[in-house]
C-alpha cells in the first residue's frame, strides 16, 4: 500500500512540475521563436543562392 501511495504522490508532483515548466518556460520560448522566424524570413535580405528551395522553420 505504501508503494502505491508513494507512486501516486510522485505522479502528482511530476505532473505539477511538468505543467509549470510548460507554462512558464517552454511555451514562451516557442512563441518567441515563431516571431523570430517570421522576422528573419520576411525582413532580412535573402542570402541563399537563386534556385535553392527555402526551408522554413515551423
N, C-alpha and C. Protein backbone atom coordinates (compact mmCIF):
# COMPACT_ATOMS: atom_id res chain seq x y z
N UNK A 1 0.82 -1.19 0.00
CA UNK A 1 0.00 0.00 0.00
C UNK A 1 0.86 1.26 0.00
N UNK A 2 1.97 1.23 0.73
CA UNK A 2 2.86 2.39 0.79
C UNK A 2 3.49 2.68 -0.58
N UNK A 3 3.78 1.63 -1.33
CA UNK A 3 4.38 1.81 -2.64
C UNK A 3 3.38 2.50 -3.58
N UNK A 4 2.12 2.12 -3.52
CA UNK A 4 1.10 2.72 -4.37
C UNK A 4 0.90 4.19 -4.00
N UNK A 5 0.87 4.49 -2.71
CA UNK A 5 0.70 5.88 -2.26
C UNK A 5 1.91 6.72 -2.69
N UNK A 6 3.10 6.18 -2.56
CA UNK A 6 4.31 6.90 -2.98
C UNK A 6 4.33 7.15 -4.48
N UNK A 7 3.91 6.15 -5.25
CA UNK A 7 3.86 6.31 -6.70
C UNK A 7 2.83 7.36 -7.09
N UNK A 8 1.69 7.37 -6.41
CA UNK A 8 0.65 8.36 -6.71
C UNK A 8 1.13 9.77 -6.38
N UNK A 9 1.78 9.96 -5.26
CA UNK A 9 2.31 11.27 -4.89
C UNK A 9 3.39 11.70 -5.87
N UNK A 10 4.24 10.78 -6.25
CA UNK A 10 5.28 11.09 -7.23
C UNK A 10 4.69 11.50 -8.57
N UNK A 11 3.62 10.83 -9.00
CA UNK A 11 2.96 11.17 -10.25
C UNK A 11 2.36 12.57 -10.18
N UNK A 12 1.72 12.90 -9.08
CA UNK A 12 1.11 14.23 -8.92
C UNK A 12 2.19 15.30 -8.94
N UNK A 13 3.29 15.09 -8.24
CA UNK A 13 4.39 16.06 -8.23
C UNK A 13 4.99 16.20 -9.62
N UNK A 14 5.21 15.10 -10.30
CA UNK A 14 5.76 15.13 -11.66
C UNK A 14 4.84 15.91 -12.59
N UNK A 15 3.55 15.67 -12.52
CA UNK A 15 2.59 16.35 -13.37
C UNK A 15 2.57 17.86 -13.08
N UNK A 16 2.64 18.24 -11.82
CA UNK A 16 2.65 19.66 -11.45
C UNK A 16 3.91 20.35 -11.97
N UNK A 17 5.05 19.72 -11.84
CA UNK A 17 6.30 20.30 -12.32
C UNK A 17 6.28 20.42 -13.85
N UNK A 18 5.75 19.42 -14.53
CA UNK A 18 5.66 19.47 -15.99
C UNK A 18 4.75 20.61 -16.43
N UNK A 19 3.65 20.81 -15.75
CA UNK A 19 2.72 21.90 -16.09
C UNK A 19 3.37 23.27 -15.89
N UNK A 20 4.04 23.46 -14.78
CA UNK A 20 4.72 24.73 -14.51
C UNK A 20 5.82 24.97 -15.52
N UNK A 21 6.57 23.94 -15.85
CA UNK A 21 7.63 24.06 -16.84
C UNK A 21 7.07 24.48 -18.19
N UNK A 22 5.97 23.87 -18.61
CA UNK A 22 5.37 24.23 -19.90
C UNK A 22 4.86 25.67 -19.87
N UNK A 23 4.16 26.04 -18.82
CA UNK A 23 3.52 27.34 -18.79
C UNK A 23 4.52 28.49 -18.72
N UNK A 24 5.59 28.36 -17.94
CA UNK A 24 6.48 29.48 -17.70
C UNK A 24 7.79 29.42 -18.47
N UNK A 25 8.16 28.28 -19.04
CA UNK A 25 9.43 28.19 -19.75
C UNK A 25 9.27 27.80 -21.22
N UNK A 26 8.68 26.66 -21.47
CA UNK A 26 8.65 26.11 -22.83
C UNK A 26 7.73 26.88 -23.77
N UNK A 27 6.51 27.17 -23.33
CA UNK A 27 5.56 27.86 -24.19
C UNK A 27 6.03 29.26 -24.59
N UNK A 28 6.54 30.10 -23.66
CA UNK A 28 7.03 31.41 -24.08
C UNK A 28 8.21 31.33 -25.05
N UNK A 29 9.08 30.35 -24.88
CA UNK A 29 10.21 30.20 -25.79
C UNK A 29 9.72 29.85 -27.18
N UNK A 30 8.76 28.93 -27.28
CA UNK A 30 8.23 28.56 -28.59
C UNK A 30 7.49 29.73 -29.25
N UNK A 31 6.74 30.51 -28.46
CA UNK A 31 6.06 31.68 -29.02
C UNK A 31 7.06 32.70 -29.54
N UNK A 32 8.14 32.95 -28.81
CA UNK A 32 9.12 33.94 -29.25
C UNK A 32 9.88 33.41 -30.48
N UNK A 33 10.10 32.12 -30.57
CA UNK A 33 10.78 31.56 -31.74
C UNK A 33 9.96 31.77 -33.00
N UNK A 34 8.64 31.63 -32.89
CA UNK A 34 7.76 31.85 -34.03
C UNK A 34 7.90 33.28 -34.53
N UNK A 35 7.95 34.24 -33.62
CA UNK A 35 8.11 35.64 -34.01
C UNK A 35 9.46 35.90 -34.65
N UNK A 36 10.50 35.31 -34.12
CA UNK A 36 11.84 35.49 -34.71
C UNK A 36 11.92 34.87 -36.09
N UNK A 37 11.31 33.72 -36.27
CA UNK A 37 11.31 33.08 -37.58
C UNK A 37 10.63 33.97 -38.61
N UNK A 38 9.49 34.54 -38.24
CA UNK A 38 8.78 35.45 -39.15
C UNK A 38 9.66 36.63 -39.49
N UNK A 39 10.33 37.19 -38.50
CA UNK A 39 11.21 38.33 -38.74
C UNK A 39 12.32 37.98 -39.71
N UNK A 40 13.00 36.89 -39.46
CA UNK A 40 14.12 36.50 -40.32
C UNK A 40 13.67 36.19 -41.74
N UNK A 41 12.53 35.55 -41.91
CA UNK A 41 12.08 35.17 -43.24
C UNK A 41 11.55 36.35 -44.05
N UNK A 42 11.00 37.36 -43.39
CA UNK A 42 10.34 38.43 -44.13
C UNK A 42 11.13 39.74 -44.18
N UNK A 43 11.96 40.02 -43.20
CA UNK A 43 12.58 41.33 -43.14
C UNK A 43 14.07 41.35 -43.43
N UNK A 44 14.72 40.23 -43.39
CA UNK A 44 16.14 40.19 -43.71
C UNK A 44 16.32 39.82 -45.18
N UNK A 45 17.37 40.32 -45.80
CA UNK A 45 17.57 40.00 -47.22
C UNK A 45 17.87 38.53 -47.42
N UNK A 46 17.55 38.07 -48.62
CA UNK A 46 17.83 36.68 -48.99
C UNK A 46 19.34 36.47 -49.08
N UNK A 47 19.83 35.42 -48.48
CA UNK A 47 21.25 35.10 -48.55
C UNK A 47 21.50 33.78 -49.25
N UNK A 48 20.43 33.11 -49.67
CA UNK A 48 20.60 31.82 -50.32
C UNK A 48 20.74 32.02 -51.82
N UNK A 49 21.47 31.15 -52.49
CA UNK A 49 21.59 31.25 -53.95
C UNK A 49 20.25 31.03 -54.63
N UNK A 50 20.07 31.66 -55.79
CA UNK A 50 18.82 31.50 -56.52
C UNK A 50 18.66 30.04 -56.97
N UNK A 51 17.44 29.55 -56.95
CA UNK A 51 17.18 28.19 -57.36
C UNK A 51 17.20 27.19 -56.22
N UNK A 52 17.71 27.59 -55.08
CA UNK A 52 17.74 26.70 -53.92
C UNK A 52 16.44 26.89 -53.14
N UNK A 53 15.74 25.81 -52.76
CA UNK A 53 14.46 25.98 -52.09
C UNK A 53 14.61 26.58 -50.70
N UNK A 54 13.60 27.38 -50.32
CA UNK A 54 13.61 27.99 -48.98
C UNK A 54 13.15 26.94 -47.97
N UNK A 55 13.87 26.84 -46.88
CA UNK A 55 13.46 25.94 -45.80
C UNK A 55 13.01 26.82 -44.66
N UNK A 56 11.76 26.65 -44.25
CA UNK A 56 11.19 27.47 -43.20
C UNK A 56 11.04 26.64 -41.92
N UNK A 57 11.32 27.29 -40.79
CA UNK A 57 11.10 26.65 -39.51
C UNK A 57 9.64 26.74 -39.15
N UNK A 58 9.09 25.66 -38.62
CA UNK A 58 7.68 25.69 -38.21
C UNK A 58 7.56 25.31 -36.77
